[in-house]
N, C-alpha and C. Protein backbone atom coordinates (compact mmCIF):
# COMPACT_ATOMS: atom_id res chain seq x y z
N UNK A 1 -11.48 -20.19 2.20
CA UNK A 1 -10.72 -19.22 3.42
C UNK A 1 -9.69 -20.09 4.06
N UNK A 2 -8.53 -19.89 4.06
CA UNK A 2 -7.55 -20.54 5.08
C UNK A 2 -7.44 -20.04 6.33
N UNK A 3 -6.66 -20.72 7.27
CA UNK A 3 -6.77 -20.38 8.79
C UNK A 3 -5.85 -19.21 8.66
N UNK A 4 -6.42 -18.38 10.00
CA UNK A 4 -5.77 -17.29 10.63
C UNK A 4 -4.46 -17.53 11.12
N UNK A 5 -3.48 -16.57 10.65
CA UNK A 5 -2.19 -17.07 11.56
C UNK A 5 -1.38 -15.44 11.89
N UNK A 6 -0.52 -15.48 12.84
CA UNK A 6 0.00 -14.37 13.37
C UNK A 6 0.44 -13.70 12.26
N UNK A 7 0.71 -12.34 12.27
CA UNK A 7 1.56 -11.70 11.32
C UNK A 7 3.05 -11.99 11.11
N UNK A 8 3.61 -12.25 12.29
CA UNK A 8 5.08 -12.63 12.54
C UNK A 8 5.20 -13.99 11.52
N UNK A 9 4.17 -15.04 11.90
CA UNK A 9 4.40 -16.46 11.10
C UNK A 9 4.20 -16.27 9.76
N UNK A 10 3.35 -15.45 9.35
CA UNK A 10 3.24 -14.99 7.84
C UNK A 10 4.51 -14.46 7.18
N UNK A 11 5.22 -13.56 8.17
CA UNK A 11 6.30 -12.98 7.81
C UNK A 11 7.26 -14.19 7.52
N UNK A 12 7.32 -15.01 8.33
CA UNK A 12 8.37 -16.12 8.08
C UNK A 12 8.19 -16.97 6.98
N UNK A 13 7.00 -17.13 6.82
CA UNK A 13 6.79 -18.42 5.66
C UNK A 13 6.81 -17.73 4.43
N UNK A 14 6.22 -16.32 4.28
CA UNK A 14 6.33 -15.67 2.82
C UNK A 14 7.49 -14.72 2.51
N UNK A 15 8.06 -14.36 3.63
CA UNK A 15 9.13 -13.58 3.37
C UNK A 15 10.62 -13.83 4.17
N UNK A 16 10.49 -15.17 4.46
CA UNK A 16 11.39 -15.66 5.49
C UNK A 16 12.10 -14.81 6.54
N UNK A 17 11.22 -14.26 7.17
CA UNK A 17 11.40 -13.07 8.33
C UNK A 17 11.91 -11.91 8.08
N UNK A 18 12.45 -11.61 6.73
CA UNK A 18 12.77 -10.22 6.09
C UNK A 18 12.43 -8.87 6.88
N UNK A 19 10.88 -8.70 7.31
CA UNK A 19 10.52 -7.43 7.53
C UNK A 19 10.29 -7.50 9.20
N UNK A 20 10.33 -6.37 9.72
CA UNK A 20 10.24 -6.07 11.19
C UNK A 20 8.77 -5.90 11.43
N UNK A 21 8.20 -6.43 13.01
CA UNK A 21 6.84 -6.27 13.35
C UNK A 21 6.38 -4.77 13.20
N UNK A 22 7.26 -3.82 13.08
CA UNK A 22 6.61 -2.62 12.59
C UNK A 22 6.04 -2.30 11.28
N UNK A 23 7.09 -2.88 10.51
CA UNK A 23 6.72 -2.67 8.95
C UNK A 23 5.22 -3.65 8.73
N UNK A 24 5.52 -5.00 9.26
CA UNK A 24 4.00 -5.64 9.14
C UNK A 24 2.82 -4.87 9.73
N UNK A 25 2.84 -4.58 10.70
CA UNK A 25 1.67 -3.85 11.59
C UNK A 25 1.43 -2.55 10.51
N UNK A 26 2.25 -1.94 9.89
CA UNK A 26 1.98 -0.69 9.05
C UNK A 26 1.18 -1.42 7.82
N UNK A 27 1.72 -2.23 7.63
CA UNK A 27 0.84 -2.84 6.41
C UNK A 27 -0.57 -3.58 6.54
N UNK A 28 -0.58 -3.71 7.78
CA UNK A 28 -2.08 -4.56 8.08
C UNK A 28 -2.72 -3.14 8.43
N UNK A 29 -2.39 -1.98 9.19
CA UNK A 29 -3.11 -0.97 9.03
C UNK A 29 -3.48 -0.31 8.03
N UNK A 30 -2.42 -0.33 7.07
CA UNK A 30 -2.68 0.74 5.66
C UNK A 30 -3.40 -0.16 4.58
N UNK A 31 -3.69 -1.41 5.07
CA UNK A 31 -4.44 -2.24 3.92
C UNK A 31 -3.62 -2.63 2.68
N UNK A 32 -2.45 -2.96 3.24
CA UNK A 32 -1.68 -3.60 1.93
C UNK A 32 -1.76 -5.07 2.12
N UNK A 33 -2.38 -5.78 2.64
CA UNK A 33 -2.20 -7.09 2.67
C UNK A 33 -3.74 -7.63 2.08
N UNK A 34 -3.67 -8.49 1.24
CA UNK A 34 -4.66 -8.90 0.58
C UNK A 34 -5.10 -10.72 0.81
N UNK A 35 -6.05 -11.02 1.38
CA UNK A 35 -7.15 -10.32 2.03
C UNK A 35 -6.76 -9.47 3.37
N UNK A 36 -7.29 -8.33 3.83
CA UNK A 36 -7.23 -7.75 4.65
C UNK A 36 -7.01 -8.57 5.90
N UNK A 37 -5.89 -7.98 6.87
CA UNK A 37 -5.53 -8.59 8.00
C UNK A 37 -6.86 -8.28 9.13
N UNK A 38 -6.75 -8.96 10.21
CA UNK A 38 -7.85 -8.66 11.10
C UNK A 38 -6.83 -8.46 12.57
N UNK A 39 -7.61 -7.31 13.05
CA UNK A 39 -6.85 -7.23 14.37
C UNK A 39 -7.70 -7.81 15.51
N UNK A 40 -7.15 -8.76 16.44
CA UNK A 40 -7.83 -9.50 17.29
C UNK A 40 -7.07 -9.01 18.72
N UNK A 41 -7.68 -8.43 19.61
CA UNK A 41 -6.89 -7.85 20.59
C UNK A 41 -5.76 -6.91 20.26
N UNK A 42 -4.49 -7.25 20.73
CA UNK A 42 -3.77 -6.26 20.26
C UNK A 42 -2.89 -7.11 19.19
N UNK A 43 -3.32 -8.21 18.51
CA UNK A 43 -2.32 -9.01 17.63
C UNK A 43 -3.11 -8.70 16.23
N UNK A 44 -2.19 -8.84 15.30
CA UNK A 44 -2.82 -8.56 13.88
C UNK A 44 -2.87 -10.18 13.56
N UNK A 45 -3.84 -10.57 12.83
CA UNK A 45 -3.74 -12.28 12.47
C UNK A 45 -4.12 -11.70 10.50
N UNK A 46 -3.56 -12.93 9.74
CA UNK A 46 -3.95 -12.97 8.54
C UNK A 46 -4.17 -14.31 8.07
N UNK A 47 -4.86 -14.41 6.70
CA UNK A 47 -5.14 -15.57 6.11
C UNK A 47 -3.67 -16.37 5.41
N UNK A 48 -3.53 -17.31 5.97
CA UNK A 48 -2.01 -17.97 5.47
C UNK A 48 -1.88 -17.66 3.95
N UNK A 49 -2.80 -17.67 3.40
CA UNK A 49 -2.30 -17.41 1.56
C UNK A 49 -2.52 -15.94 1.51
N UNK A 50 -2.65 -14.88 2.35
CA UNK A 50 -2.71 -13.77 1.97
C UNK A 50 -1.30 -13.13 1.33
N UNK A 51 -1.49 -12.01 0.56
CA UNK A 51 -0.30 -11.41 -0.41
C UNK A 51 -0.38 -10.18 0.04
N UNK A 52 1.24 -9.39 -0.10
CA UNK A 52 1.10 -8.13 0.19
C UNK A 52 0.84 -7.47 -1.47
N UNK A 53 0.20 -6.35 -0.94
CA UNK A 53 -0.28 -5.80 -2.20
C UNK A 53 0.07 -4.27 -2.07
N UNK A 54 1.20 -3.72 -3.00
CA UNK A 54 1.73 -2.36 -2.65
C UNK A 54 0.49 -1.33 -2.90
N UNK A 55 0.16 -0.45 -2.04
CA UNK A 55 -0.87 0.52 -2.44
C UNK A 55 -0.32 1.62 -3.70
N UNK A 56 -1.79 1.72 -4.43
CA UNK A 56 -1.67 2.56 -5.39
C UNK A 56 -1.74 3.60 -5.11
N UNK A 57 -1.00 4.70 -5.47
CA UNK A 57 -1.06 6.22 -5.28
C UNK A 57 -1.98 6.81 -6.32
N UNK A 58 -2.94 7.59 -6.00
CA UNK A 58 -3.40 8.48 -7.24
C UNK A 58 -2.63 10.15 -7.10
N UNK A 59 -2.79 10.51 -8.50
CA UNK A 59 -2.42 11.70 -8.86
C UNK A 59 -3.47 12.53 -8.86
N UNK A 60 -3.34 13.59 -8.21
CA UNK A 60 -4.65 14.68 -8.17
C UNK A 60 -3.97 15.75 -8.98
N UNK A 61 -4.69 16.33 -9.99
CA UNK A 61 -4.27 17.84 -10.43
C UNK A 61 -5.41 18.72 -10.10
N UNK A 62 -5.18 19.76 -9.52
CA UNK A 62 -6.08 20.75 -9.24
C UNK A 62 -6.85 21.39 -10.29
N UNK A 63 -8.01 21.92 -9.94
CA UNK A 63 -9.01 22.15 -11.11
C UNK A 63 -8.53 23.41 -11.47
N UNK A 64 -7.94 24.44 -10.64
CA UNK A 64 -7.35 25.68 -11.08
C UNK A 64 -6.53 26.18 -11.22
N UNK A 65 -5.75 25.45 -12.31
CA UNK A 65 -4.40 25.25 -12.60
C UNK A 65 -4.56 26.40 -13.93
N UNK A 66 -3.88 27.48 -13.86
CA UNK A 66 -3.80 28.38 -14.89
C UNK A 66 -2.41 27.99 -16.10
N UNK A 67 -2.95 27.30 -16.99
CA UNK A 67 -1.96 27.06 -17.96
C UNK A 67 -1.44 27.96 -18.88
N UNK A 68 -1.97 29.29 -18.81
CA UNK A 68 -1.34 30.35 -19.54
C UNK A 68 -0.17 31.14 -18.91
N UNK A 69 0.31 30.38 -18.00
CA UNK A 69 1.62 31.14 -17.39
C UNK A 69 2.60 30.78 -18.18
N UNK A 70 3.29 31.73 -18.51
CA UNK A 70 4.89 31.48 -19.24
C UNK A 70 5.98 31.51 -18.37
N UNK A 71 6.87 30.70 -18.13
CA UNK A 71 7.30 29.65 -19.51
C UNK A 71 6.56 28.50 -19.01
N UNK A 72 5.87 27.58 -19.81
CA UNK A 72 5.35 26.42 -19.64
C UNK A 72 6.25 25.13 -20.19
N UNK A 73 6.61 24.29 -19.44
CA UNK A 73 7.62 23.50 -20.10
C UNK A 73 6.57 22.39 -20.53
N UNK A 74 7.44 21.82 -22.07
CA UNK A 74 6.42 21.05 -22.87
C UNK A 74 6.28 19.81 -22.26
N UNK A 75 7.32 19.28 -21.45
CA UNK A 75 7.23 18.02 -20.86
C UNK A 75 6.00 17.94 -19.67
N UNK A 76 5.83 18.87 -18.94
CA UNK A 76 4.88 19.49 -18.17
C UNK A 76 3.41 19.18 -19.03
N UNK A 77 3.31 19.81 -19.81
CA UNK A 77 2.07 19.99 -20.76
C UNK A 77 1.86 18.32 -21.19
N UNK A 78 2.87 17.88 -21.77
CA UNK A 78 2.51 16.45 -22.15
C UNK A 78 1.98 15.69 -21.10
N UNK A 79 2.58 15.59 -20.14
CA UNK A 79 2.07 14.98 -18.87
C UNK A 79 0.91 15.16 -18.53
N UNK A 80 0.27 16.40 -18.34
CA UNK A 80 -1.05 17.01 -17.98
C UNK A 80 -2.19 16.72 -19.03
N UNK A 81 -1.22 16.32 -20.49
CA UNK A 81 -2.30 16.03 -21.38
C UNK A 81 -2.87 17.26 -22.19
N UNK A 82 -2.38 18.25 -22.19
CA UNK A 82 -2.79 19.64 -22.68
C UNK A 82 -2.00 19.95 -24.14
């Protein structure tokens, strides 16, 4: 485990200060930093070797889809695996 540093310092060391404080705080809140950032008081701290990890979105297909409706695009059917 490495030392905890403020988000702003991590931004400077990892990204040369490219991102705004609002973006960094959003990343911390949404779990986009690995290992996760820790909120201490009103400041966010991260490990000095932490990395940004883009969140993976999952796609949900509703169970009540009626595939017998015409016209059904073949590309859509291929995507859905039907």
